[in-house]
PDB file of N, CA and C in Angstrom:
ATOM      1  N   UNK A   1     -15.315  88.869 110.518  1.00  0.00           N
ATOM      2  CA  UNK A   1     -16.265  87.826 110.136  1.00  0.00           C
ATOM      3  C   UNK A   1     -17.723  88.235 110.636  1.00  0.00           C
ATOM      4  N   UNK A   2     -18.715  87.935 109.782  1.00  0.00           N
ATOM      5  CA  UNK A   2     -20.147  88.265 110.147  1.00  0.00           C
ATOM      6  C   UNK A   2     -20.598  87.053 110.816  1.00  0.00           C
ATOM      7  N   UNK A   3     -21.386  87.353 111.869  1.00  0.00           N
ATOM      8  CA  UNK A   3     -21.987  86.279 112.639  1.00  0.00           C
ATOM      9  C   UNK A   3     -23.266  86.775 113.127  1.00  0.00           C
ATOM     10  N   UNK A   4     -24.307  85.893 113.268  1.00  0.00           N
ATOM     11  CA  UNK A   4     -25.587  86.134 113.867  1.00  0.00           C
ATOM     12  C   UNK A   4     -25.436  86.198 115.433  1.00  0.00           C
ATOM     13  N   UNK A   5     -26.134  87.050 115.969  1.00  0.00           N
ATOM     14  CA  UNK A   5     -25.989  87.105 117.509  1.00  0.00           C
ATOM     15  C   UNK A   5     -27.362  87.271 118.131  1.00  0.00           C
ATOM     16  N   UNK A   6     -27.456  86.884 119.395  1.00  0.00           N
ATOM     17  CA  UNK A   6     -28.590  87.086 120.324  1.00  0.00           C
ATOM     18  C   UNK A   6     -28.171  88.084 121.260  1.00  0.00           C
ATOM     19  N   UNK A   7     -28.835  89.243 121.491  1.00  0.00           N
ATOM     20  CA  UNK A   7     -28.430  90.245 122.506  1.00  0.00           C
ATOM     21  C   UNK A   7     -29.511  90.275 123.613  1.00  0.00           C
ATOM     22  N   UNK A   8     -28.953  90.178 124.858  1.00  0.00           N
ATOM     23  CA  UNK A   8     -29.879  90.258 126.003  1.00  0.00           C
ATOM     24  C   UNK A   8     -29.759  91.589 126.584  1.00  0.00           C
ATOM     25  N   UNK A   9     -31.026  92.115 126.963  1.00  0.00           N
ATOM     26  CA  UNK A   9     -31.030  93.474 127.554  1.00  0.00           C
ATOM     27  C   UNK A   9     -32.149  93.342 128.590  1.00  0.00           C
ATOM     28  N   UNK A  10     -31.807  93.900 129.813  1.00  0.00           N
ATOM     29  CA  UNK A  10     -32.792  94.047 130.815  1.00  0.00           C
ATOM     30  C   UNK A  10     -33.184  95.521 130.934  1.00  0.00           C
ATOM     31  N   UNK A  11     -34.440  95.647 131.266  1.00  0.00           N
ATOM     32  CA  UNK A  11     -35.059  97.010 131.446  1.00  0.00           C
ATOM     33  C   UNK A  11     -35.970  97.036 132.733  1.00  0.00           C
ATOM     34  N   UNK A  12     -36.144  98.255 133.271  1.00  0.00           N
ATOM     35  CA  UNK A  12     -36.945  98.287 134.534  1.00  0.00           C
ATOM     36  C   UNK A  12     -38.430  98.072 134.346  1.00  0.00           C
ATOM     37  N   UNK A  13     -38.918  98.168 133.063  1.00  0.00           N
ATOM     38  CA  UNK A  13     -40.266  98.089 132.841  1.00  0.00           C
ATOM     39  C   UNK A  13     -40.621  97.446 131.471  1.00  0.00           C
ATOM     40  N   UNK A  14     -41.835  96.892 131.264  1.00  0.00           N
ATOM     41  CA  UNK A  14     -42.308  96.372 130.000  1.00  0.00           C
ATOM     42  C   UNK A  14     -42.373  97.478 128.887  1.00  0.00           C
ATOM     43  N   UNK A  15     -42.795  98.673 129.444  1.00  0.00           N
ATOM     44  CA  UNK A  15     -42.951  99.850 128.489  1.00  0.00           C
ATOM     45  C   UNK A  15     -41.613 100.160 127.891  1.00  0.00           C
ATOM     46  N   UNK A  16     -40.639 100.420 128.756  1.00  0.00           N
ATOM     47  CA  UNK A  16     -39.237 100.711 128.242  1.00  0.00           C
ATOM     48  C   UNK A  16     -38.709  99.623 127.296  1.00  0.00           C
ATOM     49  N   UNK A  17     -39.037  98.304 127.735  1.00  0.00           N
ATOM     50  CA  UNK A  17     -38.596  97.283 126.793  1.00  0.00           C
ATOM     51  C   UNK A  17     -39.197  97.262 125.401  1.00  0.00           C
ATOM     52  N   UNK A  18     -40.489  97.654 125.416  1.00  0.00           N
ATOM     53  CA  UNK A  18     -41.194  97.793 124.173  1.00  0.00           C
ATOM     54  C   UNK A  18     -40.654  98.921 123.355  1.00  0.00           C
ATOM     55  N   UNK A  19     -40.405 100.010 123.975  1.00  0.00           N
ATOM     56  CA  UNK A  19     -39.823 101.237 123.253  1.00  0.00           C
ATOM     57  C   UNK A  19     -38.491 100.894 122.597  1.00  0.00           C
ATOM     58  N   UNK A  20     -37.628 100.239 123.403  1.00  0.00           N
ATOM     59  CA  UNK A  20     -36.242  99.879 122.970  1.00  0.00           C
ATOM     60  C   UNK A  20     -36.406  98.824 121.685  1.00  0.00           C
ATOM     61  N   UNK A  21     -37.254  97.786 122.027  1.00  0.00           N
ATOM     62  CA  UNK A  21     -37.378  96.730 121.024  1.00  0.00           C
ATOM     63  C   UNK A  21     -37.860  97.270 119.690  1.00  0.00           C
ATOM     64  N   UNK A  22     -38.918  98.085 119.766  1.00  0.00           N
ATOM     65  CA  UNK A  22     -39.542  98.652 118.573  1.00  0.00           C
ATOM     66  C   UNK A  22     -38.412  99.520 117.817  1.00  0.00           C
ATOM     67  N   UNK A  23     -37.629 100.347 118.517  1.00  0.00           N
ATOM     68  CA  UNK A  23     -36.601 101.193 117.903  1.00  0.00           C
ATOM     69  C   UNK A  23     -35.600 100.417 117.203  1.00  0.00           C
ATOM     70  N   UNK A  24     -35.256  99.228 117.819  1.00  0.00           N
ATOM     71  CA  UNK A  24     -34.218  98.334 117.184  1.00  0.00           C
ATOM     72  C   UNK A  24     -34.686  97.827 115.964  1.00  0.00           C
ATOM     73  N   UNK A  25     -35.863  97.252 116.016  1.00  0.00           N
ATOM     74  CA  UNK A  25     -36.478  96.674 114.757  1.00  0.00           C
ATOM     75  C   UNK A  25     -36.669  97.689 113.647  1.00  0.00           C
ATOM     76  N   UNK A  26     -37.310  98.842 113.991  1.00  0.00           N
ATOM     77  CA  UNK A  26     -37.616  99.874 112.994  1.00  0.00           C
ATOM     78  C   UNK A  26     -36.274 100.468 112.404  1.00  0.00           C
ATOM     79  N   UNK A  27     -35.096 100.459 113.175  1.00  0.00           N
ATOM     80  CA  UNK A  27     -33.796 100.954 112.646  1.00  0.00           C
ATOM     81  C   UNK A  27     -33.207  99.795 111.823  1.00  0.00           C
ATOM     82  N   UNK A  28     -33.641  98.607 111.794  1.00  0.00           N
ATOM     83  CA  UNK A  28     -33.239  97.448 111.075  1.00  0.00           C
ATOM     84  C   UNK A  28     -31.842  96.932 111.597  1.00  0.00           C
ATOM     85  N   UNK A  29     -31.566  97.324 113.002  1.00  0.00           N
ATOM     86  CA  UNK A  29     -30.305  96.710 113.515  1.00  0.00           C
ATOM     87  C   UNK A  29     -30.747  95.408 114.293  1.00  0.00           C
ATOM     88  N   UNK A  30     -31.991  95.122 114.320  1.00  0.00           N
ATOM     89  CA  UNK A  30     -32.538  93.909 114.779  1.00  0.00           C
ATOM     90  C   UNK A  30     -33.560  93.336 113.890  1.00  0.00           C
ATOM     91  N   UNK A  31     -33.653  92.053 113.723  1.00  0.00           N
ATOM     92  CA  UNK A  31     -34.660  91.361 112.855  1.00  0.00           C
ATOM     93  C   UNK A  31     -35.861  91.106 113.739  1.00  0.00           C
ATOM     94  N   UNK A  32     -35.609  90.829 114.983  1.00  0.00           N
ATOM     95  CA  UNK A  32     -36.724  90.423 115.917  1.00  0.00           C
ATOM     96  C   UNK A  32     -36.294  90.744 117.331  1.00  0.00           C
ATOM     97  N   UNK A  33     -37.223  91.076 118.207  1.00  0.00           N
ATOM     98  CA  UNK A  33     -36.993  91.283 119.564  1.00  0.00           C
ATOM     99  C   UNK A  33     -38.183  90.657 120.370  1.00  0.00           C
ATOM    100  N   UNK A  34     -37.851  89.745 121.248  1.00  0.00           N
ATOM    101  CA  UNK A  34     -38.838  89.231 122.075  1.00  0.00           C
ATOM    102  C   UNK A  34     -38.693  89.807 123.495  1.00  0.00           C
ATOM    103  N   UNK A  35     -39.891  90.057 124.199  1.00  0.00           N
ATOM    104  CA  UNK A  35     -39.950  90.618 125.493  1.00  0.00           C
ATOM    105  C   UNK A  35     -40.518  89.619 126.459  1.00  0.00           C
ATOM    106  N   UNK A  36     -39.717  89.328 127.523  1.00  0.00           N
ATOM    107  CA  UNK A  36     -40.247  88.606 128.616  1.00  0.00           C
ATOM    108  C   UNK A  36     -40.505  89.613 129.684  1.00  0.00           C
ATOM    109  N   UNK A  37     -41.859  89.859 129.978  1.00  0.00           N
ATOM    110  CA  UNK A  37     -42.269  90.932 130.682  1.00  0.00           C
ATOM    111  C   UNK A  37     -42.017  90.986 132.153  1.00  0.00           C
ATOM    112  N   UNK A  38     -41.725  89.817 132.852  1.00  0.00           N
ATOM    113  CA  UNK A  38     -41.466  89.931 134.215  1.00  0.00           C
ATOM    114  C   UNK A  38     -40.496  88.825 134.622  1.00  0.00           C
ATOM    115  N   UNK A  39     -39.318  89.340 134.897  1.00  0.00           N
ATOM    116  CA  UNK A  39     -38.297  88.422 135.506  1.00  0.00           C
ATOM    117  C   UNK A  39     -37.818  89.050 136.804  1.00  0.00           C
ATOM    118  N   UNK A  40     -37.306  88.181 137.611  1.00  0.00           N
ATOM    119  CA  UNK A  40     -36.723  88.645 138.894  1.00  0.00           C
ATOM    120  C   UNK A  40     -35.230  88.583 138.734  1.00  0.00           C
ATOM    121  N   UNK A  41     -34.542  89.752 139.053  1.00  0.00           N
ATOM    122  CA  UNK A  41     -33.108  89.913 138.863  1.00  0.00           C
ATOM    123  C   UNK A  41     -32.460  90.158 140.237  1.00  0.00           C
ATOM    124  N   UNK A  42     -31.454  89.382 140.554  1.00  0.00           N
ATOM    125  CA  UNK A  42     -30.817  89.583 141.857  1.00  0.00           C
ATOM    126  C   UNK A  42     -29.297  89.839 141.371  1.00  0.00           C
ATOM    127  N   UNK A  43     -28.725  90.995 141.795  1.00  0.00           N
ATOM    128  CA  UNK A  43     -27.430  91.458 141.257  1.00  0.00           C
ATOM    129  C   UNK A  43     -26.737  92.392 142.290  1.00  0.00           C
ATOM    130  N   UNK A  44     -25.489  92.551 142.087  1.00  0.00           N
ATOM    131  CA  UNK A  44     -24.809  93.550 142.954  1.00  0.00           C
ATOM    132  C   UNK A  44     -24.644  94.846 142.214  1.00  0.00           C
ATOM    133  N   UNK A  45     -24.810  95.847 142.909  1.00  0.00           N
ATOM    134  CA  UNK A  45     -24.746  97.270 142.324  1.00  0.00           C
ATOM    135  C   UNK A  45     -24.454  98.209 143.413  1.00  0.00           C
ATOM    136  N   UNK A  46     -23.397  98.887 143.177  1.00  0.00           N
ATOM    137  CA  UNK A  46     -22.826  99.927 144.221  1.00  0.00           C
ATOM    138  C   UNK A  46     -22.512  99.294 145.567  1.00  0.00           C
ATOM    139  N   UNK A  47     -21.891  98.124 145.525  1.00  0.00           N
ATOM    140  CA  UNK A  47     -21.566  97.412 146.742  1.00  0.00           C
ATOM    141  C   UNK A  47     -22.672  96.643 147.596  1.00  0.00           C
ATOM    142  N   UNK A  48     -23.863  96.652 146.946  1.00  0.00           N
ATOM    143  CA  UNK A  48     -24.979  96.074 147.692  1.00  0.00           C
ATOM    144  C   UNK A  48     -25.653  95.120 146.785  1.00  0.00           C
ATOM    145  N   UNK A  49     -26.171  94.059 147.429  1.00  0.00           N
ATOM    146  CA  UNK A  49     -27.141  92.973 146.679  1.00  0.00           C
ATOM    147  C   UNK A  49     -28.528  93.691 146.518  1.00  0.00           C
ATOM    148  N   UNK A  50     -28.833  93.695 145.234  1.00  0.00           N
ATOM    149  CA  UNK A  50     -30.166  94.294 144.869  1.00  0.00           C
ATOM    150  C   UNK A  50     -31.151  93.176 144.310  1.00  0.00           C
ATOM    151  N   UNK A  51     -32.367  93.468 144.410  1.00  0.00           N
ATOM    152  CA  UNK A  51     -33.380  92.444 143.860  1.00  0.00           C
ATOM    153  C   UNK A  51     -34.542  93.325 143.212  1.00  0.00           C
ATOM    154  N   UNK A  52     -34.700  93.216 141.912  1.00  0.00           N
ATOM    155  CA  UNK A  52     -35.718  93.947 141.233  1.00  0.00           C
ATOM    156  C   UNK A  52     -36.493  93.092 140.230  1.00  0.00           C
ATOM    157  N   UNK A  53     -37.743  93.567 139.967  1.00  0.00           N
ATOM    158  CA  UNK A  53     -38.442  93.056 138.766  1.00  0.00           C
ATOM    159  C   UNK A  53     -38.001  93.850 137.581  1.00  0.00           C
ATOM    160  N   UNK A  54     -37.769  93.066 136.551  1.00  0.00           N
ATOM    161  CA  UNK A  54     -37.296  93.648 135.280  1.00  0.00           C
ATOM    162  C   UNK A  54     -38.022  92.949 134.101  1.00  0.00           C
ATOM    163  N   UNK A  55     -37.889  93.567 132.899  1.00  0.00           N
ATOM    164  CA  UNK A  55     -38.213  92.985 131.669  1.00  0.00           C
ATOM    165  C   UNK A  55     -36.895  92.492 130.933  1.00  0.00           C
ATOM    166  N   UNK A  56     -37.007  91.472 130.152  1.00  0.00           N
ATOM    167  CA  UNK A  56     -35.813  90.981 129.348  1.00  0.00           C
ATOM    168  C   UNK A  56     -36.182  91.090 127.883  1.00  0.00           C
ATOM    169  N   UNK A  57     -35.288  91.695 127.137  1.00  0.00           N
ATOM    170  CA  UNK A  57     -35.483  91.823 125.654  1.00  0.00           C
ATOM    171  C   UNK A  57     -34.434  90.723 125.206  1.00  0.00           C
ATOM    172  N   UNK A  58     -34.822  89.837 124.243  1.00  0.00           N
ATOM    173  CA  UNK A  58     -34.095  89.013 123.509  1.00  0.00           C
ATOM    174  C   UNK A  58     -34.131  89.357 122.064  1.00  0.00           C
ATOM    175  N   UNK A  59     -32.982  89.823 121.545  1.00  0.00           N
ATOM    176  CA  UNK A  59     -32.838  90.472 120.232  1.00  0.00           C
ATOM    177  C   UNK A  59     -32.026  89.591 119.332  1.00  0.00           C
ATOM    178  N   UNK A  60     -32.481  89.390 118.015  1.00  0.00           N
ATOM    179  CA  UNK A  60     -31.740  88.724 117.019  1.00  0.00           C
ATOM    180  C   UNK A  60     -31.142  89.698 116.103  1.00  0.00           C
ATOM    181  N   UNK A  61     -29.796  89.711 115.908  1.00  0.00           N
ATOM    182  CA  UNK A  61     -29.167  90.650 114.966  1.00  0.00           C
ATOM    183  C   UNK A  61     -27.831  90.118 114.401  1.00  0.00           C
ATOM    184  N   UNK A  62     -26.914  90.839 113.932  1.00  0.00           N
ATOM    185  CA  UNK A  62     -25.757  90.492 113.392  1.00  0.00           C
ATOM    186  C   UNK A  62     -24.590  91.281 114.139  1.00  0.00           C
ATOM    187  N   UNK A  63     -23.493  90.508 114.199  1.00  0.00           N
ATOM    188  CA  UNK A  63     -22.338  91.059 115.000  1.00  0.00           C
ATOM    189  C   UNK A  63     -21.838  92.419 114.549  1.00  0.00           C
ATOM    190  N   UNK A  64     -21.952  92.618 113.238  1.00  0.00           N
ATOM    191  CA  UNK A  64     -21.380  93.898 112.665  1.00  0.00           C
ATOM    192  C   UNK A  64     -22.395  95.076 113.091  1.00  0.00           C
ATOM    193  N   UNK A  65     -23.509  94.661 113.471  1.00  0.00           N
ATOM    194  CA  UNK A  65     -24.446  95.784 113.912  1.00  0.00           C
ATOM    195  C   UNK A  65     -24.459  96.026 115.330  1.00  0.00           C
ATOM    196  N   UNK A  66     -23.604  95.406 116.147  1.00  0.00           N
ATOM    197  CA  UNK A  66     -23.678  95.467 117.628  1.00  0.00           C
ATOM    198  C   UNK A  66     -23.369  96.889 118.106  1.00  0.00           C
ATOM    199  N   UNK A  67     -22.422  97.591 117.465  1.00  0.00           N
ATOM    200  CA  UNK A  67     -22.112  98.911 117.959  1.00  0.00           C
ATOM    201  C   UNK A  67     -23.239  99.865 117.778  1.00  0.00           C
ATOM    202  N   UNK A  68     -23.872  99.782 116.697  1.00  0.00           N
ATOM    203  CA  UNK A  68     -25.040 100.759 116.357  1.00  0.00           C
ATOM    204  C   UNK A  68     -26.210 100.332 117.221  1.00  0.00           C
ATOM    205  N   UNK A  69     -26.480  99.014 117.401  1.00  0.00           N
ATOM    206  CA  UNK A  69     -27.519  98.510 118.283  1.00  0.00           C
ATOM    207  C   UNK A  69     -27.191  98.952 119.771  1.00  0.00           C
ATOM    208  N   UNK A  70     -26.037  98.910 120.266  1.00  0.00           N
ATOM    209  CA  UNK A  70     -25.787  99.345 121.620  1.00  0.00           C
ATOM    210  C   UNK A  70     -25.947 100.899 121.700  1.00  0.00           C
ATOM    211  N   UNK A  71     -25.512 101.673 120.769  1.00  0.00           N
ATOM    212  CA  UNK A  71     -25.800 103.058 120.839  1.00  0.00           C
ATOM    213  C   UNK A  71     -27.199 103.368 120.905  1.00  0.00           C
ATOM    214  N   UNK A  72     -28.072 102.646 120.146  1.00  0.00           N
ATOM    215  CA  UNK A  72     -29.432 102.950 120.151  1.00  0.00           C
ATOM    216  C   UNK A  72     -30.011 102.658 121.499  1.00  0.00           C
ATOM    217  N   UNK A  73     -29.711 101.466 122.077  1.00  0.00           N
ATOM    218  CA  UNK A  73     -30.099 101.060 123.353  1.00  0.00           C
ATOM    219  C   UNK A  73     -29.689 102.148 124.470  1.00  0.00           C
ATOM    220  N   UNK A  74     -28.469 102.488 124.484  1.00  0.00           N
ATOM    221  CA  UNK A  74     -28.005 103.443 125.516  1.00  0.00           C
ATOM    222  C   UNK A  74     -28.612 104.790 125.440  1.00  0.00           C
ATOM    223  N   UNK A  75     -29.085 105.153 124.172  1.00  0.00           N
ATOM    224  CA  UNK A  75     -29.824 106.410 123.973  1.00  0.00           C
ATOM    225  C   UNK A  75     -31.260 106.409 124.598  1.00  0.00           C
ATOM    226  N   UNK A  76     -31.842 105.206 124.678  1.00  0.00           N
ATOM    227  CA  UNK A  76     -33.153 105.063 125.074  1.00  0.00           C
ATOM    228  C   UNK A  76     -33.347 104.499 126.589  1.00  0.00           C
ATOM    229  N   UNK A  77     -32.267 103.969 127.069  1.00  0.00           N
ATOM    230  CA  UNK A  77     -32.415 103.145 128.241  1.00  0.00           C
ATOM    231  C   UNK A  77     -32.203 104.044 129.499  1.00  0.00           C
ATOM    232  N   UNK A  78     -32.939 103.743 130.526  1.00  0.00           N
ATOM    233  CA  UNK A  78     -32.937 104.654 131.741  1.00  0.00           C
ATOM    234  C   UNK A  78     -31.759 104.196 132.747  1.00  0.00           C
ATOM    235  N   UNK A  79     -31.208 103.033 132.513  1.00  0.00           N
ATOM    236  CA  UNK A  79     -30.139 102.582 133.458  1.00  0.00           C
ATOM    237  C   UNK A  79     -28.853 103.337 133.125  1.00  0.00           C
ATOM    238  N   UNK A  80     -27.969 103.737 134.112  1.00  0.00           N
ATOM    239  CA  UNK A  80     -26.643 104.233 133.965  1.00  0.00           C
ATOM    240  C   UNK A  80     -25.857 103.284 133.114  1.00  0.00           C
ATOM    241  N   UNK A  81     -25.870 101.959 133.526  1.00  0.00           N
ATOM    242  CA  UNK A  81     -25.019 100.819 132.884  1.00  0.00           C
ATOM    243  C   UNK A  81     -26.065  99.793 132.514  1.00  0.00           C
ATOM    244  N   UNK A  82     -26.615  99.855 131.326  1.00  0.00           N
ATOM    245  CA  UNK A  82     -27.580  98.823 130.901  1.00  0.00           C
ATOM    246  C   UNK A  82     -26.861  97.566 130.571  1.00  0.00           C
ATOM    247  N   UNK A  83     -27.526  96.406 130.784  1.00  0.00           N
ATOM    248  CA  UNK A  83     -27.080  95.039 130.356  1.00  0.00           C
ATOM    249  C   UNK A  83     -27.321  95.054 128.877  1.00  0.00           C
ATOM    250  N   UNK A  84     -26.267  94.890 128.187  1.00  0.00           N
ATOM    251  CA  UNK A  84     -26.243  94.720 126.757  1.00  0.00           C
ATOM    252  C   UNK A  84     -25.200  93.589 126.455  1.00  0.00           C
ATOM    253  N   UNK A  85     -25.609  92.421 126.282  1.00  0.00           N
ATOM    254  CA  UNK A  85     -24.705  91.162 126.218  1.00  0.00           C
ATOM    255  C   UNK A  85     -25.042  90.480 124.880  1.00  0.00           C
ATOM    256  N   UNK A  86     -24.002  90.225 124.016  1.00  0.00           N
ATOM    257  CA  UNK A  86     -24.229  89.546 122.827  1.00  0.00           C
ATOM    258  C   UNK A  86     -23.695  88.118 122.918  1.00  0.00           C
ATOM    259  N   UNK A  87     -24.449  87.199 122.306  1.00  0.00           N
ATOM    260  CA  UNK A  87     -23.984  85.811 122.312  1.00  0.00           C
ATOM    261  C   UNK A  87     -24.067  85.350 120.880  1.00  0.00           C
ATOM    262  N   UNK A  88     -22.991  84.771 120.364  1.00  0.00           N
ATOM    263  CA  UNK A  88     -23.067  84.245 119.061  1.00  0.00           C
ATOM    264  C   UNK A  88     -23.916  83.128 118.921  1.00  0.00           C
ATOM    265  N   UNK A  89     -24.609  83.152 117.764  1.00  0.00           N
ATOM    266  CA  UNK A  89     -25.499  81.944 117.300  1.00  0.00           C
ATOM    267  C   UNK A  89     -24.549  81.050 116.612  1.00  0.00           C
ATOM    268  N   UNK A  90     -24.390  79.779 117.116  1.00  0.00           N
ATOM    269  CA  UNK A  90     -23.395  78.785 116.571  1.00  0.00           C
ATOM    270  C   UNK A  90     -24.108  77.947 115.515  1.00  0.00           C
ATOM    271  N   UNK A  91     -25.461  77.867 115.537  1.00  0.00           N
ATOM    272  CA  UNK A  91     -26.098  77.011 114.612  1.00  0.00           C
ATOM    273  C   UNK A  91     -27.562  77.389 114.611  1.00  0.00           C
ATOM    274  N   UNK A  92     -28.221  77.168 113.532  1.00  0.00           N
ATOM    275  CA  UNK A  92     -29.753  77.527 113.437  1.00  0.00           C
ATOM    276  C   UNK A  92     -30.251  77.131 112.137  1.00  0.00           C
ATOM    277  N   UNK A  93     -31.608  77.099 112.107  1.00  0.00           N
ATOM    278  CA  UNK A  93     -32.356  76.787 110.824  1.00  0.00           C
ATOM    279  C   UNK A  93     -31.763  77.682 109.749  1.00  0.00           C
ATOM    280  N   UNK A  94     -31.261  77.254 108.641  1.00  0.00           N
ATOM    281  CA  UNK A  94     -30.659  78.068 107.684  1.00  0.00           C
ATOM    282  C   UNK A  94     -31.707  79.197 107.174  1.00  0.00           C
ATOM    283  N   UNK A  95     -32.909  78.698 106.921  1.00  0.00           N
ATOM    284  CA  UNK A  95     -33.936  79.752 106.408  1.00  0.00           C
ATOM    285  C   UNK A  95     -34.104  80.818 107.497  1.00  0.00           C
ATOM    286  N   UNK A  96     -34.130  80.472 108.708  1.00  0.00           N
ATOM    287  CA  UNK A  96     -34.318  81.516 109.774  1.00  0.00           C
ATOM    288  C   UNK A  96     -33.105  82.518 109.815  1.00  0.00           C
ATOM    289  N   UNK A  97     -31.960  81.944 109.668  1.00  0.00           N
ATOM    290  CA  UNK A  97     -30.709  82.708 109.800  1.00  0.00           C
ATOM    291  C   UNK A  97     -30.635  83.667 108.490  1.00  0.00           C
ATOM    292  N   UNK A  98     -31.101  83.217 107.362  1.00  0.00           N
ATOM    293  CA  UNK A  98     -31.118  84.009 106.143  1.00  0.00           C
ATOM    294  C   UNK A  98     -32.142  85.076 106.359  1.00  0.00           C
ATOM    295  N   UNK A  99     -33.443  84.794 106.829  1.00  0.00           N
ATOM    296  CA  UNK A  99     -34.258  85.907 107.155  1.00  0.00           C
ATOM    297  C   UNK A  99     -33.675  86.889 108.082  1.00  0.00           C
ATOM    298  N   UNK A 100     -33.028  86.456 109.211  1.00  0.00           N
ATOM    299  CA  UNK A 100     -32.386  87.436 110.028  1.00  0.00           C
ATOM    300  C   UNK A 100     -31.461  88.348 109.320  1.00  0.00           C
ATOM    301  N   UNK A 101     -30.649  87.770 108.495  1.00  0.00           N
ATOM    302  CA  UNK A 101     -29.707  88.589 107.638  1.00  0.00           C
ATOM    303  C   UNK A 101     -30.485  89.599 106.746  1.00  0.00           C
ATOM    304  N   UNK A 102     -31.495  89.114 106.056  1.00  0.00           N
ATOM    305  CA  UNK A 102     -32.290  89.816 105.122  1.00  0.00           C
ATOM    306  C   UNK A 102     -32.941  91.017 105.813  1.00  0.00           C
ATOM    307  N   UNK A 103     -33.444  90.849 107.095  1.00  0.00           N
ATOM    308  CA  UNK A 103     -34.207  91.832 107.812  1.00  0.00           C
ATOM    309  C   UNK A 103     -33.347  92.877 108.546  1.00  0.00           C
ATOM    310  N   UNK A 104     -32.061  92.686 108.567  1.00  0.00           N
ATOM    311  CA  UNK A 104     -31.150  93.666 109.233  1.00  0.00           C
ATOM    312  C   UNK A 104     -30.378  94.332 108.197  1.00  0.00           C
ATOM    313  N   UNK A 105     -30.108  95.669 108.540  1.00  0.00           N
ATOM    314  CA  UNK A 105     -29.530  96.578 107.546  1.00  0.00           C
ATOM    315  C   UNK A 105     -28.018  96.730 107.861  1.00  0.00           C
ATOM    316  N   UNK A 106     -27.048  95.900 107.204  1.00  0.00           N
ATOM    317  CA  UNK A 106     -25.758  96.040 107.556  1.00  0.00           C
ATOM    318  C   UNK A 106     -25.094  97.311 107.136  1.00  0.00           C
ATOM    319  N   UNK A 107     -25.815  98.098 106.302  1.00  0.00           N
ATOM    320  CA  UNK A 107     -25.360  99.483 105.961  1.00  0.00           C
ATOM    321  C   UNK A 107     -25.498 100.377 107.225  1.00  0.00           C
ATOM    322  N   UNK A 108     -26.145  99.968 108.170  1.00  0.00           N
ATOM    323  CA  UNK A 108     -26.333 100.897 109.369  1.00  0.00           C
ATOM    324  C   UNK A 108     -25.163 100.863 110.311  1.00  0.00           C
ATOM    325  N   UNK A 109     -24.130  99.952 110.072  1.00  0.00           N
ATOM    326  CA  UNK A 109     -23.058  99.795 111.026  1.00  0.00           C
ATOM    327  C   UNK A 109     -22.082 100.875 110.703  1.00  0.00           C
TER     328      UNK A 109
END
């Protein structure tokens, strides 16, 4: 079943977020990517509590493109284990969801 998704990705910098977001949109595995340039993340990594400034990318795509989207991100991301989390869109403005479908290339999966 095809579903529209929102994918969350954190990066260590706005420059890296921009590079990833642009690559996803240009590859047509994402219709749109928003960058929130400065968030504060608190997380556990390698047994320790960490606190870092990061950027957050909010990507709009389709579930059938998730594998290709993930591969593209992993190829560009500097983290060993990047955050790549997909959430299904359960409802939305029909015209927006149609635009999202039109702007993503399902042949890329």
